[in-house]
Amino acid sequence: MQTLTDAAFTTAAAATEWLAIDFGAPSCAPCVPFAKTVGALAADYAGRVAFAAMDADAEPETAARFGIRGLPTLLLLHRGAEVGRLVGNHSREKVQKFLDKIVAATDPRA
């Protein structure tokens, strides 16, 4: 899972069909376990969905662009456009259902 900066966001979003971004912050206690959950799922979705992490405190431009107000937030982009978001620390199963529902609805390979 790559770490994105505000400067690298546009390039990364344009270069991937599906991009899931985990917005967190070092001061956010629920962000730590959620980042581990998202990191584990990245391997399951390899080749279908690219995963990245962004520190919302250090990279506020992208967080503001998408109106990120609560952390952690998992933002799912399809060809650079937001198609879903999940706010808060959730179980692996809930994150999987969230991803599967959206990716399957728009991706014939799913």
PDB file of N, CA and C in Angstrom:
ATOM      1  N   MET A   1       0.858  -1.165   0.000  1.00  0.00           N
ATOM      2  CA  MET A   1       0.000   0.000   0.000  1.00  0.00           C
ATOM      3  C   MET A   1       0.908   1.234   0.000  1.00  0.00           C
ATOM      4  N   GLN A   2       0.669   2.113  -0.950  1.00  0.00           N
ATOM      5  CA  GLN A   2       1.481   3.317  -1.062  1.00  0.00           C
ATOM      6  C   GLN A   2       0.952   4.432  -0.168  1.00  0.00           C
ATOM      7  N   THR A   3       1.834   5.370   0.156  1.00  0.00           N
ATOM      8  CA  THR A   3       1.448   6.569   0.890  1.00  0.00           C
ATOM      9  C   THR A   3       1.381   7.707  -0.108  1.00  0.00           C
ATOM     10  N   LEU A   4       0.253   8.402  -0.129  1.00  0.00           N
ATOM     11  CA  LEU A   4       0.063   9.499  -1.070  1.00  0.00           C
ATOM     12  C   LEU A   4       0.252  10.854  -0.394  1.00  0.00           C
ATOM     13  N   THR A   5       0.692  11.809  -1.195  1.00  0.00           N
ATOM     14  CA  THR A   5       0.764  13.205  -0.779  1.00  0.00           C
ATOM     15  C   THR A   5      -0.248  13.983  -1.609  1.00  0.00           C
ATOM     16  N   ASP A   6      -0.514  15.203  -1.198  1.00  0.00           N
ATOM     17  CA  ASP A   6      -1.401  16.060  -1.993  1.00  0.00           C
ATOM     18  C   ASP A   6      -0.853  16.211  -3.414  1.00  0.00           C
ATOM     19  N   ALA A   7       0.468  16.388  -3.523  1.00  0.00           N
ATOM     20  CA  ALA A   7       1.091  16.596  -4.825  1.00  0.00           C
ATOM     21  C   ALA A   7       0.966  15.364  -5.727  1.00  0.00           C
ATOM     22  N   ALA A   8       0.966  14.174  -5.146  1.00  0.00           N
ATOM     23  CA  ALA A   8       0.919  12.933  -5.927  1.00  0.00           C
ATOM     24  C   ALA A   8      -0.501  12.433  -6.164  1.00  0.00           C
ATOM     25  N   PHE A   9      -1.476  13.017  -5.507  1.00  0.00           N
ATOM     26  CA  PHE A   9      -2.838  12.500  -5.591  1.00  0.00           C
ATOM     27  C   PHE A   9      -3.383  12.473  -7.018  1.00  0.00           C
ATOM     28  N   THR A  10      -3.318  13.577  -7.724  1.00  0.00           N
ATOM     29  CA  THR A  10      -3.917  13.664  -9.056  1.00  0.00           C
ATOM     30  C   THR A  10      -3.330  12.620  -9.994  1.00  0.00           C
ATOM     31  N   THR A  11      -2.028  12.446  -9.956  1.00  0.00           N
ATOM     32  CA  THR A  11      -1.370  11.448 -10.802  1.00  0.00           C
ATOM     33  C   THR A  11      -1.823  10.043 -10.429  1.00  0.00           C
ATOM     34  N   ALA A  12      -1.864   9.744  -9.137  1.00  0.00           N
ATOM     35  CA  ALA A  12      -2.274   8.418  -8.687  1.00  0.00           C
ATOM     36  C   ALA A  12      -3.720   8.126  -9.053  1.00  0.00           C
ATOM     37  N   ALA A  13      -4.597   9.100  -8.880  1.00  0.00           N
ATOM     38  CA  ALA A  13      -6.016   8.903  -9.195  1.00  0.00           C
ATOM     39  C   ALA A  13      -6.222   8.692 -10.692  1.00  0.00           C
ATOM     40  N   ALA A  14      -5.448   9.383 -11.508  1.00  0.00           N
ATOM     41  CA  ALA A  14      -5.577   9.248 -12.962  1.00  0.00           C
ATOM     42  C   ALA A  14      -4.970   7.944 -13.469  1.00  0.00           C
ATOM     43  N   ALA A  15      -4.024   7.402 -12.737  1.00  0.00           N
ATOM     44  CA  ALA A  15      -3.297   6.217 -13.193  1.00  0.00           C
ATOM     45  C   ALA A  15      -3.981   4.903 -12.820  1.00  0.00           C
ATOM     46  N   THR A  16      -5.015   4.960 -11.998  1.00  0.00           N
ATOM     47  CA  THR A  16      -5.657   3.729 -11.543  1.00  0.00           C
ATOM     48  C   THR A  16      -7.157   3.789 -11.795  1.00  0.00           C
ATOM     49  N   GLU A  17      -7.697   2.668 -12.212  1.00  0.00           N
ATOM     50  CA  GLU A  17      -9.144   2.609 -12.427  1.00  0.00           C
ATOM     51  C   GLU A  17      -9.869   2.674 -11.086  1.00  0.00           C
ATOM     52  N   TRP A  18      -9.422   1.874 -10.135  1.00  0.00           N
ATOM     53  CA  TRP A  18      -9.999   1.830  -8.800  1.00  0.00           C
ATOM     54  C   TRP A  18      -8.930   2.213  -7.799  1.00  0.00           C
ATOM     55  N   LEU A  19      -9.240   3.156  -6.911  1.00  0.00           N
ATOM     56  CA  LEU A  19      -8.303   3.575  -5.882  1.00  0.00           C
ATOM     57  C   LEU A  19      -9.050   3.735  -4.567  1.00  0.00           C
ATOM     58  N   ALA A  20      -8.600   3.008  -3.562  1.00  0.00           N
ATOM     59  CA  ALA A  20      -9.149   3.123  -2.214  1.00  0.00           C
ATOM     60  C   ALA A  20      -8.116   3.859  -1.369  1.00  0.00           C
ATOM     61  N   ILE A  21      -8.521   4.990  -0.792  1.00  0.00           N
ATOM     62  CA  ILE A  21      -7.607   5.796   0.004  1.00  0.00           C
ATOM     63  C   ILE A  21      -8.061   5.780   1.462  1.00  0.00           C
ATOM     64  N   ASP A  22      -7.147   5.377   2.330  1.00  0.00           N
ATOM     65  CA  ASP A  22      -7.392   5.380   3.767  1.00  0.00           C
ATOM     66  C   ASP A  22      -6.869   6.695   4.332  1.00  0.00           C
ATOM     67  N   PHE A  23      -7.792   7.611   4.684  1.00  0.00           N
ATOM     68  CA  PHE A  23      -7.420   8.868   5.309  1.00  0.00           C
ATOM     69  C   PHE A  23      -7.348   8.650   6.811  1.00  0.00           C
ATOM     70  N   GLY A  24      -6.199   8.953   7.384  1.00  0.00           N
ATOM     71  CA  GLY A  24      -6.004   8.816   8.815  1.00  0.00           C
ATOM     72  C   GLY A  24      -5.101   9.919   9.315  1.00  0.00           C
ATOM     73  N   ALA A  25      -4.642   9.778  10.563  1.00  0.00           N
ATOM     74  CA  ALA A  25      -3.709  10.731  11.162  1.00  0.00           C
ATOM     75  C   ALA A  25      -3.018  10.038  12.331  1.00  0.00           C
ATOM     76  N   PRO A  26      -1.777  10.409  12.597  1.00  0.00           N
ATOM     77  CA  PRO A  26      -1.055   9.785  13.713  1.00  0.00           C
ATOM     78  C   PRO A  26      -1.741   9.970  15.065  1.00  0.00           C
ATOM     79  N   SER A  27      -2.460  11.061  15.231  1.00  0.00           N
ATOM     80  CA  SER A  27      -3.130  11.334  16.506  1.00  0.00           C
ATOM     81  C   SER A  27      -4.475  10.626  16.644  1.00  0.00           C
ATOM     82  N   CYS A  28      -4.887   9.892  15.628  1.00  0.00           N
ATOM     83  CA  CYS A  28      -6.198   9.238  15.602  1.00  0.00           C
ATOM     84  C   CYS A  28      -6.068   7.781  16.064  1.00  0.00           C
ATOM     85  N   ALA A  29      -6.534   7.489  17.282  1.00  0.00           N
ATOM     86  CA  ALA A  29      -6.415   6.136  17.828  1.00  0.00           C
ATOM     87  C   ALA A  29      -7.125   5.074  16.979  1.00  0.00           C
ATOM     88  N   PRO A  30      -8.353   5.291  16.502  1.00  0.00           N
ATOM     89  CA  PRO A  30      -9.010   4.269  15.693  1.00  0.00           C
ATOM     90  C   PRO A  30      -8.361   4.063  14.326  1.00  0.00           C
ATOM     91  N   CYS A  31      -7.536   5.004  13.896  1.00  0.00           N
ATOM     92  CA  CYS A  31      -6.905   4.907  12.578  1.00  0.00           C
ATOM     93  C   CYS A  31      -5.885   3.778  12.503  1.00  0.00           C
ATOM     94  N   VAL A  32      -5.235   3.471  13.618  1.00  0.00           N
ATOM     95  CA  VAL A  32      -4.184   2.445  13.620  1.00  0.00           C
ATOM     96  C   VAL A  32      -4.753   1.061  13.303  1.00  0.00           C
ATOM     97  N   PRO A  33      -5.763   0.578  14.024  1.00  0.00           N
ATOM     98  CA  PRO A  33      -6.297  -0.735  13.668  1.00  0.00           C
ATOM     99  C   PRO A  33      -6.973  -0.748  12.298  1.00  0.00           C
ATOM    100  N   PHE A  34      -7.598   0.377  11.935  1.00  0.00           N
ATOM    101  CA  PHE A  34      -8.256   0.424  10.631  1.00  0.00           C
ATOM    102  C   PHE A  34      -7.228   0.341   9.504  1.00  0.00           C
ATOM    103  N   ALA A  35      -6.098   1.004   9.669  1.00  0.00           N
ATOM    104  CA  ALA A  35      -5.030   0.942   8.663  1.00  0.00           C
ATOM    105  C   ALA A  35      -4.538  -0.494   8.486  1.00  0.00           C
ATOM    106  N   LYS A  36      -4.478  -1.247   9.565  1.00  0.00           N
ATOM    107  CA  LYS A  36      -4.072  -2.658   9.473  1.00  0.00           C
ATOM    108  C   LYS A  36      -5.115  -3.466   8.705  1.00  0.00           C
ATOM    109  N   THR A  37      -6.377  -3.200   8.958  1.00  0.00           N
ATOM    110  CA  THR A  37      -7.454  -3.883   8.240  1.00  0.00           C
ATOM    111  C   THR A  37      -7.392  -3.582   6.754  1.00  0.00           C
ATOM    112  N   VAL A  38      -7.248  -2.308   6.406  1.00  0.00           N
ATOM    113  CA  VAL A  38      -7.181  -1.901   5.007  1.00  0.00           C
ATOM    114  C   VAL A  38      -5.939  -2.481   4.347  1.00  0.00           C
ATOM    115  N   GLY A  39      -4.822  -2.478   5.055  1.00  0.00           N
ATOM    116  CA  GLY A  39      -3.592  -3.050   4.518  1.00  0.00           C
ATOM    117  C   GLY A  39      -3.725  -4.530   4.217  1.00  0.00           C
ATOM    118  N   ALA A  40      -4.412  -5.253   5.080  1.00  0.00           N
ATOM    119  CA  ALA A  40      -4.630  -6.680   4.846  1.00  0.00           C
ATOM    120  C   ALA A  40      -5.529  -6.907   3.634  1.00  0.00           C
ATOM    121  N   LEU A  41      -6.516  -6.055   3.450  1.00  0.00           N
ATOM    122  CA  LEU A  41      -7.419  -6.196   2.301  1.00  0.00           C
ATOM    123  C   LEU A  41      -6.736  -5.841   0.986  1.00  0.00           C
ATOM    124  N   ALA A  42      -5.723  -5.008   1.039  1.00  0.00           N
ATOM    125  CA  ALA A  42      -5.007  -4.622  -0.189  1.00  0.00           C
ATOM    126  C   ALA A  42      -4.479  -5.845  -0.921  1.00  0.00           C
ATOM    127  N   ALA A  43      -4.008  -6.814  -0.199  1.00  0.00           N
ATOM    128  CA  ALA A  43      -3.509  -8.040  -0.829  1.00  0.00           C
ATOM    129  C   ALA A  43      -4.645  -8.823  -1.492  1.00  0.00           C
ATOM    130  N   ASP A  44      -5.805  -8.841  -0.870  1.00  0.00           N
ATOM    131  CA  ASP A  44      -6.957  -9.560  -1.426  1.00  0.00           C
ATOM    132  C   ASP A  44      -7.457  -8.948  -2.733  1.00  0.00           C
ATOM    133  N   TYR A  45      -7.289  -7.647  -2.887  1.00  0.00           N
ATOM    134  CA  TYR A  45      -7.800  -6.941  -4.061  1.00  0.00           C
ATOM    135  C   TYR A  45      -6.705  -6.581  -5.068  1.00  0.00           C
ATOM    136  N   ALA A  46      -5.526  -7.135  -4.871  1.00  0.00           N
ATOM    137  CA  ALA A  46      -4.403  -6.835  -5.774  1.00  0.00           C
ATOM    138  C   ALA A  46      -4.809  -7.130  -7.218  1.00  0.00           C
ATOM    139  N   GLY A  47      -4.508  -6.193  -8.101  1.00  0.00           N
ATOM    140  CA  GLY A  47      -4.868  -6.342  -9.504  1.00  0.00           C
ATOM    141  C   GLY A  47      -6.237  -5.787  -9.851  1.00  0.00           C
ATOM    142  N   ARG A  48      -7.056  -5.523  -8.850  1.00  0.00           N
ATOM    143  CA  ARG A  48      -8.392  -4.949  -9.092  1.00  0.00           C
ATOM    144  C   ARG A  48      -8.535  -3.554  -8.515  1.00  0.00           C
ATOM    145  N   VAL A  49      -8.078  -3.371  -7.289  1.00  0.00           N
ATOM    146  CA  VAL A  49      -8.185  -2.093  -6.593  1.00  0.00           C
ATOM    147  C   VAL A  49      -6.817  -1.734  -6.041  1.00  0.00           C
ATOM    148  N   ALA A  50      -6.354  -0.518  -6.320  1.00  0.00           N
ATOM    149  CA  ALA A  50      -5.114  -0.017  -5.725  1.00  0.00           C
ATOM    150  C   ALA A  50      -5.464   0.624  -4.379  1.00  0.00           C
ATOM    151  N   PHE A  51      -4.603   0.456  -3.403  1.00  0.00           N
ATOM    152  CA  PHE A  51      -4.827   1.015  -2.070  1.00  0.00           C
ATOM    153  C   PHE A  51      -3.728   2.003  -1.736  1.00  0.00           C
ATOM    154  N   ALA A  52      -4.123   3.074  -1.052  1.00  0.00           N
ATOM    155  CA  ALA A  52      -3.169   4.088  -0.627  1.00  0.00           C
ATOM    156  C   ALA A  52      -3.608   4.638   0.724  1.00  0.00           C
ATOM    157  N   ALA A  53      -2.654   5.236   1.411  1.00  0.00           N
ATOM    158  CA  ALA A  53      -2.927   5.888   2.686  1.00  0.00           C
ATOM    159  C   ALA A  53      -2.555   7.355   2.574  1.00  0.00           C
ATOM    160  N   MET A  54      -3.335   8.197   3.233  1.00  0.00           N
ATOM    161  CA  MET A  54      -3.026   9.627   3.293  1.00  0.00           C
ATOM    162  C   MET A  54      -3.169  10.114   4.725  1.00  0.00           C
ATOM    163  N   ASP A  55      -2.186  10.875   5.178  1.00  0.00           N
ATOM    164  CA  ASP A  55      -2.235  11.521   6.479  1.00  0.00           C
ATOM    165  C   ASP A  55      -3.021  12.817   6.304  1.00  0.00           C
ATOM    166  N   ALA A  56      -4.223  12.849   6.814  1.00  0.00           N
ATOM    167  CA  ALA A  56      -5.107  14.006   6.615  1.00  0.00           C
ATOM    168  C   ALA A  56      -4.563  15.269   7.276  1.00  0.00           C
ATOM    169  N   ASP A  57      -3.757  15.123   8.317  1.00  0.00           N
ATOM    170  CA  ASP A  57      -3.162  16.284   8.965  1.00  0.00           C
ATOM    171  C   ASP A  57      -2.020  16.850   8.117  1.00  0.00           C
ATOM    172  N   ALA A  58      -1.182  15.970   7.587  1.00  0.00           N
ATOM    173  CA  ALA A  58      -0.017  16.410   6.811  1.00  0.00           C
ATOM    174  C   ALA A  58      -0.373  16.769   5.373  1.00  0.00           C
ATOM    175  N   GLU A  59      -1.460  16.214   4.864  1.00  0.00           N
ATOM    176  CA  GLU A  59      -1.885  16.434   3.474  1.00  0.00           C
ATOM    177  C   GLU A  59      -3.329  16.945   3.463  1.00  0.00           C
ATOM    178  N   PRO A  60      -3.555  18.162   3.956  1.00  0.00           N
ATOM    179  CA  PRO A  60      -4.934  18.649   4.130  1.00  0.00           C
ATOM    180  C   PRO A  60      -5.662  19.012   2.841  1.00  0.00           C
ATOM    181  N   GLU A  61      -4.945  19.265   1.762  1.00  0.00           N
ATOM    182  CA  GLU A  61      -5.594  19.717   0.527  1.00  0.00           C
ATOM    183  C   GLU A  61      -6.549  18.659  -0.036  1.00  0.00           C
ATOM    184  N   THR A  62      -6.073  17.441  -0.141  1.00  0.00           N
ATOM    185  CA  THR A  62      -6.909  16.370  -0.689  1.00  0.00           C
ATOM    186  C   THR A  62      -8.051  16.040   0.269  1.00  0.00           C
ATOM    187  N   ALA A  63      -7.750  16.026   1.562  1.00  0.00           N
ATOM    188  CA  ALA A  63      -8.806  15.772   2.549  1.00  0.00           C
ATOM    189  C   ALA A  63      -9.900  16.828   2.451  1.00  0.00           C
ATOM    190  N   ALA A  64      -9.513  18.073   2.298  1.00  0.00           N
ATOM    191  CA  ALA A  64     -10.502  19.158   2.165  1.00  0.00           C
ATOM    192  C   ALA A  64     -11.270  19.043   0.854  1.00  0.00           C
ATOM    193  N   ARG A  65     -10.583  18.665  -0.193  1.00  0.00           N
ATOM    194  CA  ARG A  65     -11.224  18.527  -1.506  1.00  0.00           C
ATOM    195  C   ARG A  65     -12.398  17.555  -1.462  1.00  0.00           C
ATOM    196  N   PHE A  66     -12.243  16.489  -0.681  1.00  0.00           N
ATOM    197  CA  PHE A  66     -13.297  15.477  -0.585  1.00  0.00           C
ATOM    198  C   PHE A  66     -14.166  15.644   0.665  1.00  0.00           C
ATOM    199  N   GLY A  67     -13.959  16.705   1.415  1.00  0.00           N
ATOM    200  CA  GLY A  67     -14.791  16.954   2.580  1.00  0.00           C
ATOM    201  C   GLY A  67     -14.614  15.921   3.679  1.00  0.00           C
ATOM    202  N   ILE A  68     -13.400  15.454   3.853  1.00  0.00           N
ATOM    203  CA  ILE A  68     -13.122  14.466   4.907  1.00  0.00           C
ATOM    204  C   ILE A  68     -13.214  15.178   6.249  1.00  0.00           C
ATOM    205  N   ARG A  69     -14.168  14.752   7.081  1.00  0.00           N
ATOM    206  CA  ARG A  69     -14.369  15.397   8.373  1.00  0.00           C
ATOM    207  C   ARG A  69     -14.123  14.446   9.537  1.00  0.00           C
ATOM    208  N   GLY A  70     -14.275  13.157   9.310  1.00  0.00           N
ATOM    209  CA  GLY A  70     -14.067  12.170  10.353  1.00  0.00           C
ATOM    210  C   GLY A  70     -12.978  11.198   9.952  1.00  0.00           C
ATOM    211  N   LEU A  71     -12.202  10.763  10.941  1.00  0.00           N
ATOM    212  CA  LEU A  71     -11.131   9.801  10.678  1.00  0.00           C
ATOM    213  C   LEU A  71     -11.344   8.557  11.511  1.00  0.00           C
ATOM    214  N   PRO A  72     -10.984   7.428  10.980  1.00  0.00           N
ATOM    215  CA  PRO A  72     -10.512   7.184   9.623  1.00  0.00           C
ATOM    216  C   PRO A  72     -11.666   7.234   8.613  1.00  0.00           C
ATOM    217  N   THR A  73     -11.314   7.540   7.382  1.00  0.00           N
ATOM    218  CA  THR A  73     -12.263   7.502   6.277  1.00  0.00           C
ATOM    219  C   THR A  73     -11.634   6.743   5.125  1.00  0.00           C
ATOM    220  N   LEU A  74     -12.352   5.762   4.611  1.00  0.00           N
ATOM    221  CA  LEU A  74     -11.923   5.041   3.416  1.00  0.00           C
ATOM    222  C   LEU A  74     -12.719   5.597   2.248  1.00  0.00           C
ATOM    223  N   LEU A  75     -12.013   6.179   1.301  1.00  0.00           N
ATOM    224  CA  LEU A  75     -12.632   6.792   0.123  1.00  0.00           C
ATOM    225  C   LEU A  75     -12.361   5.877  -1.065  1.00  0.00           C
ATOM    226  N   LEU A  76     -13.395   5.519  -1.797  1.00  0.00           N
ATOM    227  CA  LEU A  76     -13.239   4.675  -2.975  1.00  0.00           C
ATOM    228  C   LEU A  76     -13.484   5.508  -4.224  1.00  0.00           C
ATOM    229  N   LEU A  77     -12.480   5.551  -5.096  1.00  0.00           N
ATOM    230  CA  LEU A  77     -12.557   6.312  -6.336  1.00  0.00           C
ATOM    231  C   LEU A  77     -12.581   5.363  -7.529  1.00  0.00           C
ATOM    232  N   HIS A  78     -13.399   5.691  -8.515  1.00  0.00           N
ATOM    233  CA  HIS A  78     -13.424   4.967  -9.788  1.00  0.00           C
ATOM    234  C   HIS A  78     -13.086   5.976 -10.866  1.00  0.00           C
ATOM    235  N   ARG A  79     -11.922   5.760 -11.498  1.00  0.00           N
ATOM    236  CA  ARG A  79     -11.416   6.699 -12.514  1.00  0.00           C
ATOM    237  C   ARG A  79     -11.355   8.133 -11.980  1.00  0.00           C
ATOM    238  N   GLY A  80     -10.963   8.274 -10.727  1.00  0.00           N
ATOM    239  CA  GLY A  80     -10.770   9.581 -10.121  1.00  0.00           C
ATOM    240  C   GLY A  80     -11.983  10.202  -9.480  1.00  0.00           C
ATOM    241  N   ALA A  81     -13.161   9.613  -9.658  1.00  0.00           N
ATOM    242  CA  ALA A  81     -14.394  10.155  -9.078  1.00  0.00           C
ATOM    243  C   ALA A  81     -14.813   9.326  -7.863  1.00  0.00           C
ATOM    244  N   GLU A  82     -15.257  10.003  -6.836  1.00  0.00           N
ATOM    245  CA  GLU A  82     -15.705   9.303  -5.639  1.00  0.00           C
ATOM    246  C   GLU A  82     -16.967   8.488  -5.931  1.00  0.00           C
ATOM    247  N   VAL A  83     -16.928   7.211  -5.543  1.00  0.00           N
ATOM    248  CA  VAL A  83     -18.098   6.347  -5.703  1.00  0.00           C
ATOM    249  C   VAL A  83     -18.562   5.776  -4.371  1.00  0.00           C
ATOM    250  N   GLY A  84     -17.796   6.018  -3.315  1.00  0.00           N
ATOM    251  CA  GLY A  84     -18.212   5.545  -2.002  1.00  0.00           C
ATOM    252  C   GLY A  84     -17.243   5.962  -0.925  1.00  0.00           C
ATOM    253  N   ARG A  85     -17.764   6.003   0.302  1.00  0.00           N
ATOM    254  CA  ARG A  85     -16.901   6.286   1.446  1.00  0.00           C
ATOM    255  C   ARG A  85     -17.431   5.555   2.659  1.00  0.00           C
ATOM    256  N   LEU A  86     -16.508   5.201   3.523  1.00  0.00           N
ATOM    257  CA  LEU A  86     -16.817   4.503   4.762  1.00  0.00           C
ATOM    258  C   LEU A  86     -16.076   5.246   5.865  1.00  0.00           C
ATOM    259  N   VAL A  87     -16.815   5.771   6.838  1.00  0.00           N
ATOM    260  CA  VAL A  87     -16.221   6.575   7.896  1.00  0.00           C
ATOM    261  C   VAL A  87     -16.223   5.783   9.200  1.00  0.00           C
ATOM    262  N   GLY A  88     -15.080   5.775   9.870  1.00  0.00           N
ATOM    263  CA  GLY A  88     -14.953   5.100  11.163  1.00  0.00           C
ATOM    264  C   GLY A  88     -14.168   3.809  11.044  1.00  0.00           C
ATOM    265  N   ASN A  89     -13.856   3.250  12.193  1.00  0.00           N
ATOM    266  CA  ASN A  89     -13.119   1.993  12.262  1.00  0.00           C
ATOM    267  C   ASN A  89     -14.109   0.840  12.138  1.00  0.00           C
ATOM    268  N   HIS A  90     -13.974   0.067  11.067  1.00  0.00           N
ATOM    269  CA  HIS A  90     -14.907  -1.029  10.814  1.00  0.00           C
ATOM    270  C   HIS A  90     -14.165  -2.353  10.701  1.00  0.00           C
ATOM    271  N   SER A  91     -14.913  -3.425  10.845  1.00  0.00           N
ATOM    272  CA  SER A  91     -14.333  -4.760  10.744  1.00  0.00           C
ATOM    273  C   SER A  91     -13.922  -5.057   9.305  1.00  0.00           C
ATOM    274  N   ARG A  92     -13.067  -6.030   9.155  1.00  0.00           N
ATOM    275  CA  ARG A  92     -12.624  -6.461   7.833  1.00  0.00           C
ATOM    276  C   ARG A  92     -13.820  -6.869   6.974  1.00  0.00           C
ATOM    277  N   GLU A  93     -14.761  -7.575   7.578  1.00  0.00           N
ATOM    278  CA  GLU A  93     -15.931  -8.051   6.850  1.00  0.00           C
ATOM    279  C   GLU A  93     -16.772  -6.890   6.320  1.00  0.00           C
ATOM    280  N   LYS A  94     -16.947  -5.862   7.140  1.00  0.00           N
ATOM    281  CA  LYS A  94     -17.753  -4.721   6.694  1.00  0.00           C
ATOM    282  C   LYS A  94     -17.048  -3.962   5.566  1.00  0.00           C
ATOM    283  N   VAL A  95     -15.748  -3.802   5.668  1.00  0.00           N
ATOM    284  CA  VAL A  95     -14.997  -3.109   4.615  1.00  0.00           C
ATOM    285  C   VAL A  95     -15.047  -3.928   3.328  1.00  0.00           C
ATOM    286  N   GLN A  96     -14.933  -5.247   3.447  1.00  0.00           N
ATOM    287  CA  GLN A  96     -15.019  -6.122   2.274  1.00  0.00           C
ATOM    288  C   GLN A  96     -16.372  -6.003   1.595  1.00  0.00           C
ATOM    289  N   LYS A  97     -17.435  -6.013   2.361  1.00  0.00           N
ATOM    290  CA  LYS A  97     -18.785  -5.876   1.798  1.00  0.00           C
ATOM    291  C   LYS A  97     -18.943  -4.529   1.099  1.00  0.00           C
ATOM    292  N   PHE A  98     -18.428  -3.473   1.715  1.00  0.00           N
ATOM    293  CA  PHE A  98     -18.469  -2.136   1.125  1.00  0.00           C
ATOM    294  C   PHE A  98     -17.765  -2.135  -0.229  1.00  0.00           C
ATOM    295  N   LEU A  99     -16.559  -2.663  -0.271  1.00  0.00           N
ATOM    296  CA  LEU A  99     -15.795  -2.689  -1.521  1.00  0.00           C
ATOM    297  C   LEU A  99     -16.465  -3.579  -2.568  1.00  0.00           C
ATOM    298  N   ASP A 100     -16.858  -4.773  -2.163  1.00  0.00           N
ATOM    299  CA  ASP A 100     -17.455  -5.717  -3.114  1.00  0.00           C
ATOM    300  C   ASP A 100     -18.738  -5.161  -3.728  1.00  0.00           C
ATOM    301  N   LYS A 101     -19.567  -4.536  -2.917  1.00  0.00           N
ATOM    302  CA  LYS A 101     -20.845  -4.014  -3.416  1.00  0.00           C
ATOM    303  C   LYS A 101     -20.618  -2.966  -4.499  1.00  0.00           C
ATOM    304  N   ILE A 102     -19.685  -2.074  -4.275  1.00  0.00           N
ATOM    305  CA  ILE A 102     -19.461  -0.998  -5.250  1.00  0.00           C
ATOM    306  C   ILE A 102     -18.673  -1.476  -6.444  1.00  0.00           C
ATOM    307  N   VAL A 103     -17.615  -2.218  -6.227  1.00  0.00           N
ATOM    308  CA  VAL A 103     -16.786  -2.686  -7.345  1.00  0.00           C
ATOM    309  C   VAL A 103     -17.587  -3.624  -8.236  1.00  0.00           C
ATOM    310  N   ALA A 104     -18.357  -4.520  -7.646  1.00  0.00           N
ATOM    311  CA  ALA A 104     -19.156  -5.456  -8.449  1.00  0.00           C
ATOM    312  C   ALA A 104     -20.229  -4.745  -9.247  1.00  0.00           C
ATOM    313  N   ALA A 105     -20.751  -3.644  -8.733  1.00  0.00           N
ATOM    314  CA  ALA A 105     -21.810  -2.921  -9.429  1.00  0.00           C
ATOM    315  C   ALA A 105     -21.319  -2.206 -10.689  1.00  0.00           C
ATOM    316  N   THR A 106     -20.027  -1.901 -10.733  1.00  0.00           N
ATOM    317  CA  THR A 106     -19.515  -1.122 -11.867  1.00  0.00           C
ATOM    318  C   THR A 106     -18.385  -1.809 -12.628  1.00  0.00           C
ATOM    319  N   ASP A 107     -17.916  -2.943 -12.147  1.00  0.00           N
ATOM    320  CA  ASP A 107     -16.776  -3.613 -12.771  1.00  0.00           C
ATOM    321  C   ASP A 107     -17.201  -4.997 -13.276  1.00  0.00           C
ATOM    322  N   PRO A 108     -17.251  -5.206 -14.568  1.00  0.00           N
ATOM    323  CA  PRO A 108     -17.676  -6.500 -15.105  1.00  0.00           C
ATOM    324  C   PRO A 108     -16.729  -7.643 -14.735  1.00  0.00           C
ATOM    325  N   ARG A 109     -15.502  -7.332 -14.303  1.00  0.00           N
ATOM    326  CA  ARG A 109     -14.542  -8.374 -13.909  1.00  0.00           C
ATOM    327  C   ARG A 109     -14.817  -8.885 -12.506  1.00  0.00           C
ATOM    328  N   ALA A 110     -15.602  -8.157 -11.715  1.00  0.00           N
ATOM    329  CA  ALA A 110     -15.818  -8.528 -10.313  1.00  0.00           C
ATOM    330  C   ALA A 110     -16.689  -9.755 -10.198  1.00  0.00           C
TER     331      ALA A 110
END
